[in-house]
Amino acid sequence: MDAFFASVEQLDNPDLRRKPLAVGGGSDRGVVAAASYEARKFGVYSAMSGILAKKKCPHLIFVKPRFERYKEISHKIHAIFYDYTHLVEPLSLDEAYLDVTENKKGNPSATLLATEIRQRIFDALGLHASAGISINKFVAKVASDINKPNGQKTIPPEEVLSFLEALPIEKFYGIGKVTASKMYNLGIFKGADLKEKPLDFLAQHFGKAGNHYFNIVRGIQKSSVKPHRIRKSVAAEHTYSKNLTSEIFMLEKLEIISDELAQRLMRSKVSGKTITLKIKYSDFRTQTRSKTVPYFVKDKALILETVKELLFQEKVLNSVRLLGISVTNLNTQTKKIEKAGDVQLKLSF
């Protein structure tokens, strides 16, 4: 979906249409959750601080997020997807992979299906979507950003390699600013440069990720579309308007977060063995402390007991602006069944 949260707000409130809009907080500690395309023209993007966003766009309009509304719209979008295929892998409220190799419409063209799906979303909900169509999830994901907003891009099998070779390295899905900078220093600026590097070179500089980079630049990715994604973590965190300077104050906040997390675990019907405390300091440094216990935990008291131990494990480095707790190593992973023999998708374009 194109600028999903912001687009929903503009859909529901006509006065906000065609205006620079940010979903999120404009306060000193506020963060932009989503920005309309009108705001993006001024350099406002998601994850940017509210203060910086206002500097870039002084007439920026901030609205509070309404996640229940976004979920409601998301369910309607996914219902449209399921009219075409049962192989739908949600990535988030506004994004999903669809395997249409064998689809419910009997349409052999993935490109025409994408056009039809996007039109149905607009007709039903008044929102624009973009799509990428190709031989695997990675190339399709990259392609989906090419003609945004309200567009689509097909990379047929015979064009995959040339497309990836010409692609700037920062456009590769999963390669962020830090990795891209490291690649620049190694003389890797485009896919063609990455393709020239042998596997042992990439493994030496990027560890396990080196094997991934070696494959994707060759159009190789054998991860199938998985309609039932196994949840791997449950978390809760809060950013505070005033920095926390004492562990006593932090404990009070962590008790509230523990309660929220326990409720989320209960609603999700999961529990986990690894509890992680996240601390973000006033200078934006982030620290995590983890402990794995021999039993599955979902109760607030047990979570808080472990978090207290992690908090006092060592002295905090500075005043704290954010605290978070996550539970991983979930019991859902014991139920995970891997489908053998995943193959690269073959479909008509």
Protein backbone atom coordinates (compact mmCIF):
# COMPACT_ATOMS: atom_id res chain seq x y z
CA MET A 1 0.00 0.00 0.00
CA ASP A 2 1.16 3.54 -0.75
CA ALA A 3 1.83 5.64 2.40
CA PHE A 4 -0.78 3.44 4.08
CA PHE A 5 -1.38 5.09 7.48
CA ALA A 6 -1.27 8.60 6.00
CA SER A 7 -3.50 7.60 3.08
CA VAL A 8 -6.13 6.17 5.44
CA GLU A 9 -6.13 9.43 7.40
CA GLN A 10 -6.58 11.43 4.20
CA LEU A 11 -9.32 9.04 3.09
CA ASP A 12 -11.28 9.50 6.32
CA ASN A 13 -10.73 13.26 6.55
CA PRO A 14 -11.09 15.09 3.21
CA ASP A 15 -9.59 18.25 4.76
CA LEU A 16 -6.24 16.46 4.94
CA ARG A 17 -6.10 15.46 1.29
CA ARG A 18 -3.31 16.85 -0.86
CA LYS A 19 -1.64 18.28 2.25
CA PRO A 20 1.69 17.33 3.87
CA LEU A 21 0.69 14.93 6.63
CA ALA A 22 2.58 12.88 9.21
CA VAL A 23 1.07 10.13 11.32
CA GLY A 24 2.79 10.19 14.70
CA GLY A 25 3.92 12.68 17.28
CA GLY A 26 5.16 16.19 16.64
CA SER A 27 6.33 16.65 20.23
CA ASP A 28 9.95 16.74 21.39
CA ARG A 29 9.96 12.92 21.63
CA GLY A 30 7.55 12.26 18.79
CA VAL A 31 8.44 10.06 15.83
CA VAL A 32 6.89 9.96 12.35
CA ALA A 33 5.16 6.60 11.80
CA ALA A 34 4.15 7.44 8.22
CA ALA A 35 4.29 10.42 5.89
CA SER A 36 2.04 11.36 2.99
CA TYR A 37 3.62 11.79 -0.42
CA GLU A 38 3.01 15.54 -0.10
CA ALA A 39 5.20 15.49 3.04
CA ARG A 40 7.85 13.30 1.41
CA LYS A 41 8.49 16.02 -1.14
CA PHE A 42 9.96 18.01 1.76
CA GLY A 43 12.15 15.10 2.89
CA VAL A 44 9.84 13.84 5.65
CA TYR A 45 9.94 10.06 6.09
CA SER A 46 8.91 7.42 8.61
CA ALA A 47 11.12 6.94 11.69
CA MET A 48 12.19 10.60 11.53
CA SER A 49 11.89 12.63 14.73
CA GLY A 50 8.92 14.97 14.88
CA ILE A 51 11.21 17.95 15.50
CA LEU A 52 13.28 17.30 12.37
CA ALA A 53 10.13 16.68 10.33
CA LYS A 54 8.76 20.10 11.36
CA LYS A 55 12.05 21.76 10.44
CA LYS A 56 11.91 20.21 6.97
CA CYS A 57 8.23 21.05 6.54
CA PRO A 58 7.03 23.87 8.87
CA HIS A 59 3.39 23.50 7.74
CA LEU A 60 3.38 19.72 8.33
CA ILE A 61 0.15 18.40 9.87
CA PHE A 62 0.51 15.74 12.60
CA VAL A 63 -2.28 13.28 13.41
CA LYS A 64 -2.32 10.57 16.05
CA PRO A 65 -2.18 6.99 14.72
CA ARG A 66 -5.39 4.91 14.78
CA PHE A 67 -4.12 1.36 14.57
CA GLU A 68 -7.53 -0.27 14.97
CA ARG A 69 -8.68 1.57 11.87
CA TYR A 70 -5.56 0.53 9.94
CA LYS A 71 -6.14 -3.09 10.98
CA GLU A 72 -9.76 -2.88 9.83
CA ILE A 73 -8.70 -1.65 6.37
CA SER A 74 -5.88 -4.20 6.24
CA HIS A 75 -8.32 -7.08 6.82
CA LYS A 76 -10.42 -5.87 3.88
CA ILE A 77 -7.33 -5.69 1.64
CA HIS A 78 -6.27 -9.20 2.61
CA ALA A 79 -9.78 -10.47 1.89
CA ILE A 80 -9.26 -9.28 -1.69
CA PHE A 81 -5.92 -11.11 -1.86
CA TYR A 82 -7.59 -14.36 -0.79
CA ASP A 83 -10.00 -14.07 -3.70
CA TYR A 84 -7.00 -14.74 -5.92
CA THR A 85 -4.81 -17.21 -3.99
CA HIS A 86 -4.62 -18.93 -0.63
CA LEU A 87 -0.83 -18.44 -0.70
CA VAL A 88 -0.65 -15.02 0.99
CA GLU A 89 2.25 -14.19 3.32
CA PRO A 90 1.58 -10.96 5.24
CA LEU A 91 4.65 -8.85 6.03
CA SER A 92 2.78 -6.08 7.85
CA LEU A 93 -0.60 -4.36 7.84
CA ASP A 94 0.13 -2.85 4.42
CA GLU A 95 2.28 -5.38 2.61
CA ALA A 96 2.17 -9.04 1.59
CA TYR A 97 3.62 -11.60 -0.79
CA LEU A 98 1.22 -13.51 -3.07
CA ASP A 99 2.10 -16.66 -4.99
CA VAL A 100 -0.20 -16.66 -8.04
CA THR A 101 1.46 -19.51 -9.93
CA GLU A 102 -1.82 -21.39 -9.56
CA ASN A 103 -4.52 -18.83 -8.81
CA LYS A 104 -8.25 -18.98 -8.20
CA LYS A 105 -9.00 -16.88 -11.29
CA GLY A 106 -7.20 -19.21 -13.69
CA ASN A 107 -5.36 -16.19 -15.11
CA PRO A 108 -1.89 -17.16 -16.41
CA SER A 109 -0.56 -13.58 -16.28
CA ALA A 110 0.83 -12.37 -12.97
CA THR A 111 1.06 -8.85 -14.39
CA LEU A 112 -2.64 -8.71 -15.27
CA LEU A 113 -3.55 -10.16 -11.88
CA ALA A 114 -1.56 -7.45 -10.10
CA THR A 115 -3.33 -4.77 -12.16
CA GLU A 116 -6.72 -6.27 -11.32
CA ILE A 117 -5.97 -6.57 -7.60
CA ARG A 118 -4.77 -2.97 -7.38
CA GLN A 119 -7.91 -1.75 -9.17
CA ARG A 120 -10.15 -3.78 -6.85
CA ILE A 121 -8.47 -2.26 -3.79
CA PHE A 122 -9.03 1.23 -5.16
CA ASP A 123 -12.65 0.55 -6.15
CA ALA A 124 -13.50 -0.98 -2.78
CA LEU A 125 -11.50 1.25 -0.45
CA GLY A 126 -10.36 4.33 -2.35
CA LEU A 127 -6.69 3.59 -1.63
CA HIS A 128 -3.77 3.16 -4.01
CA ALA A 129 -1.44 0.15 -4.01
CA SER A 130 1.77 -0.64 -5.86
CA ALA A 131 3.05 -4.05 -6.90
CA GLY A 132 6.20 -5.85 -7.96
CA ILE A 133 6.01 -9.01 -10.05
CA SER A 134 8.87 -11.43 -10.59
CA ILE A 135 10.27 -14.94 -10.10
CA ASN A 136 10.87 -14.78 -6.34
CA LYS A 137 10.06 -12.74 -3.26
CA PHE A 138 13.28 -10.72 -3.23
CA VAL A 139 13.06 -9.45 -6.82
CA ALA A 140 9.32 -8.80 -6.51
CA LYS A 141 9.90 -6.79 -3.34
CA VAL A 142 12.56 -4.63 -5.01
CA ALA A 143 10.34 -4.19 -8.07
CA SER A 144 7.40 -3.03 -5.95
CA ASP A 145 9.26 0.21 -5.12
CA ILE A 146 10.21 1.07 -8.70
CA ASN A 147 6.99 2.76 -9.81
CA LYS A 148 5.54 3.93 -6.50
CA PRO A 149 3.08 5.46 -5.88
CA ASN A 150 0.15 3.78 -7.64
CA GLY A 151 2.20 1.73 -10.07
CA GLN A 152 3.69 -1.66 -10.69
CA LYS A 153 6.79 -3.19 -12.22
CA THR A 154 7.25 -6.61 -13.77
CA ILE A 155 10.71 -8.16 -13.97
CA PRO A 156 10.28 -11.22 -16.25
CA PRO A 157 12.71 -14.15 -15.90
CA GLU A 158 14.91 -13.15 -18.84
CA GLU A 159 15.45 -9.64 -17.41
CA VAL A 160 16.16 -10.51 -13.76
CA LEU A 161 19.94 -10.67 -14.02
CA SER A 162 20.35 -7.45 -16.04
CA PHE A 163 17.93 -5.66 -13.69
CA LEU A 164 19.89 -6.71 -10.60
CA GLU A 165 23.26 -5.90 -12.18
CA ALA A 166 22.17 -2.32 -12.93
CA LEU A 167 20.49 -1.80 -9.55
CA PRO A 168 22.24 0.57 -7.09
CA ILE A 169 23.29 -1.43 -4.06
CA GLU A 170 21.26 0.72 -1.65
CA LYS A 171 18.11 -0.32 -3.56
CA PHE A 172 18.62 -3.99 -2.67
CA TYR A 173 15.96 -4.98 -0.15
CA GLY A 174 17.60 -5.66 3.21
CA ILE A 175 20.72 -3.56 2.58
CA GLY A 176 20.50 -0.54 4.87
CA LYS A 177 22.65 2.57 5.15
CA VAL A 178 25.36 0.94 7.28
CA THR A 179 25.81 -2.10 5.02
CA ALA A 180 25.62 0.06 1.90
CA SER A 181 28.38 2.31 3.27
CA LYS A 182 30.54 -0.73 3.98
CA MET A 183 29.97 -1.96 0.44
CA TYR A 184 30.91 1.43 -1.01
CA ASN A 185 34.24 1.19 0.84
CA LEU A 186 34.77 -2.21 -0.80
CA GLY A 187 34.08 -0.81 -4.26
CA ILE A 188 30.56 -2.23 -4.49
CA PHE A 189 28.14 0.36 -5.88
CA LYS A 190 25.82 -1.66 -8.13
CA GLY A 191 24.65 -5.22 -8.44
CA ALA A 192 27.28 -5.86 -11.12
CA ASP A 193 30.02 -4.95 -8.61
CA LEU A 194 28.50 -7.26 -6.00
CA LYS A 195 28.29 -10.09 -8.55
CA GLU A 196 32.02 -9.83 -9.25
CA LYS A 197 32.92 -10.61 -5.63
CA PRO A 198 33.55 -14.30 -4.86
CA LEU A 199 31.67 -16.06 -2.09
CA ASP A 200 34.67 -16.28 0.24
CA PHE A 201 35.20 -12.49 -0.08
CA LEU A 202 31.57 -11.76 0.84
CA ALA A 203 31.64 -14.25 3.71
CA GLN A 204 34.84 -12.66 5.05
CA HIS A 205 33.33 -9.16 5.09
CA PHE A 206 29.65 -9.87 5.80
CA GLY A 207 29.59 -13.21 7.61
CA LYS A 208 26.50 -15.36 7.03
CA ALA A 209 24.86 -12.53 5.11
CA GLY A 210 27.59 -12.88 2.48
CA ASN A 211 26.01 -16.09 1.20
CA HIS A 212 22.66 -14.32 0.93
CA TYR A 213 24.17 -11.45 -1.08
CA PHE A 214 25.99 -13.93 -3.33
CA ASN A 215 22.69 -15.62 -4.20
CA ILE A 216 20.27 -12.73 -4.52
CA VAL A 217 22.42 -10.79 -6.99
CA ARG A 218 22.18 -13.91 -9.18
CA GLY A 219 18.41 -13.99 -8.83
CA ILE A 220 18.53 -17.04 -6.57
CA GLN A 221 16.08 -17.20 -3.68
CA LYS A 222 14.24 -20.39 -2.86
CA SER A 223 12.05 -19.11 -0.04
CA SER A 224 8.45 -20.01 -0.83
CA VAL A 225 5.46 -17.83 0.02
CA LYS A 226 4.46 -19.06 3.47
CA PRO A 227 0.80 -18.33 4.29
CA HIS A 228 1.21 -19.19 7.97
CA ARG A 229 4.19 -17.24 9.26
CA ILE A 230 5.37 -18.37 12.67
CA ARG A 231 5.53 -15.54 15.18
CA LYS A 232 9.03 -15.23 16.62
CA SER A 233 8.67 -12.47 19.20
CA VAL A 234 6.26 -10.38 21.24
CA ALA A 235 7.35 -6.98 22.55
CA ALA A 236 6.25 -3.74 24.17
CA GLU A 237 8.15 -0.50 24.60
CA HIS A 238 7.58 3.12 25.62
CA THR A 239 9.39 6.38 24.81
CA TYR A 240 9.24 8.93 27.63
CA SER A 241 8.72 12.69 27.43
CA LYS A 242 11.32 13.18 30.17
CA ASN A 243 14.53 11.19 30.53
CA LEU A 244 14.64 8.62 33.33
CA THR A 245 17.67 9.09 35.55
CA SER A 246 17.12 6.47 38.26
CA GLU A 247 16.63 2.70 38.24
CA ILE A 248 13.79 3.20 40.71
CA PHE A 249 11.85 5.26 38.17
CA MET A 250 12.75 2.72 35.48
CA LEU A 251 11.33 -0.12 37.57
CA GLU A 252 7.99 1.68 37.81
CA LYS A 253 7.88 2.03 34.03
CA LEU A 254 9.02 -1.57 33.46
CA GLU A 255 6.18 -2.85 35.62
CA ILE A 256 3.70 -1.10 33.33
CA ILE A 257 5.46 -2.48 30.23
CA SER A 258 5.53 -5.99 31.75
CA ASP A 259 1.79 -5.83 32.26
CA GLU A 260 1.22 -4.70 28.67
CA LEU A 261 3.51 -7.43 27.35
CA ALA A 262 1.80 -10.12 29.43
CA GLN A 263 -1.56 -9.08 27.98
CA ARG A 264 -0.16 -9.30 24.44
CA LEU A 265 1.24 -12.77 25.14
CA MET A 266 -2.14 -13.82 26.52
CA ARG A 267 -4.01 -12.51 23.48
CA SER A 268 -1.53 -14.21 21.14
CA LYS A 269 -1.72 -17.43 23.16
CA VAL A 270 2.07 -17.77 23.21
CA SER A 271 4.88 -17.82 25.77
CA GLY A 272 8.66 -17.72 25.53
CA LYS A 273 11.91 -18.56 27.24
CA THR A 274 14.13 -15.59 26.33
CA ILE A 275 13.41 -12.18 27.88
CA THR A 276 15.24 -9.11 26.56
CA LEU A 277 15.41 -5.67 28.12
CA LYS A 278 15.94 -2.83 25.67
CA ILE A 279 17.36 0.49 26.86
CA LYS A 280 17.72 3.53 24.62
CA TYR A 281 19.73 6.32 26.17
CA SER A 282 19.32 10.09 25.78
CA ASP A 283 22.24 10.09 23.31
CA PHE A 284 20.31 7.49 21.24
CA ARG A 285 22.68 4.62 22.01
CA THR A 286 20.75 1.37 22.38
CA GLN A 287 21.63 -1.47 24.72
CA THR A 288 19.97 -4.88 25.09
CA ARG A 289 20.31 -7.38 27.92
CA SER A 290 18.86 -10.88 27.62
CA LYS A 291 18.29 -13.96 29.74
CA THR A 292 16.97 -17.38 28.75
CA VAL A 293 15.08 -19.31 31.41
CA PRO A 294 14.42 -23.09 31.38
CA TYR A 295 10.63 -22.72 31.14
CA PHE A 296 8.10 -20.86 28.99
CA VAL A 297 7.02 -17.53 30.48
CA LYS A 298 3.92 -15.40 29.87
CA ASP A 299 3.03 -14.21 33.37
CA LYS A 300 3.68 -10.57 34.30
CA ALA A 301 5.33 -11.44 37.63
CA LEU A 302 7.83 -13.82 36.05
CA ILE A 303 8.63 -11.36 33.25
CA LEU A 304 9.17 -8.52 35.71
CA GLU A 305 11.34 -10.69 37.97
CA THR A 306 13.71 -11.42 35.07
CA VAL A 307 13.65 -7.82 33.85
CA LYS A 308 14.65 -6.56 37.32
CA GLU A 309 17.63 -8.89 37.25
CA LEU A 310 18.60 -7.59 33.80
CA LEU A 311 18.19 -3.95 34.85
CA PHE A 312 20.55 -4.32 37.80
CA GLN A 313 22.94 -6.55 35.86
CA GLU A 314 25.10 -3.47 35.29
CA LYS A 315 24.79 0.24 35.86
CA VAL A 316 22.92 2.22 33.23
CA LEU A 317 25.25 4.30 31.09
CA ASN A 318 23.23 7.51 30.92
CA SER A 319 19.75 8.93 31.31
CA VAL A 320 17.15 6.82 29.49
CA ARG A 321 14.56 7.92 26.92
CA LEU A 322 13.07 4.52 25.99
CA LEU A 323 12.49 1.18 27.69
CA GLY A 324 11.27 -2.01 26.08
CA ILE A 325 10.81 -5.69 26.86
CA SER A 326 10.55 -8.52 24.36
CA VAL A 327 9.95 -12.25 24.67
CA THR A 328 11.48 -14.58 22.09
CA ASN A 329 12.27 -18.29 21.78
CA LEU A 330 8.51 -18.80 21.70
CA ASN A 331 6.61 -22.05 22.01
CA THR A 332 5.27 -21.43 18.48
CA GLN A 333 8.67 -22.38 17.10
CA THR A 334 8.34 -25.89 18.49
CA LYS A 335 5.27 -26.27 16.29
CA LYS A 336 6.94 -25.03 13.15
CA ILE A 337 6.82 -27.44 10.24
CA GLU A 338 9.19 -26.74 7.40
CA LYS A 339 7.93 -27.62 3.97
CA ALA A 340 10.59 -29.69 2.20
CA GLY A 341 11.84 -28.92 -1.26
CA ASP A 342 11.04 -25.20 -1.58
CA VAL A 343 11.51 -24.22 -5.21
CA GLN A 344 11.81 -20.96 -7.09
CA LEU A 345 8.48 -19.79 -8.48
CA LYS A 346 7.69 -20.35 -12.13
CA LEU A 347 4.87 -18.28 -13.55
CA SER A 348 3.78 -16.52 -16.73
CA PHE A 349 4.30 -12.80 -17.10
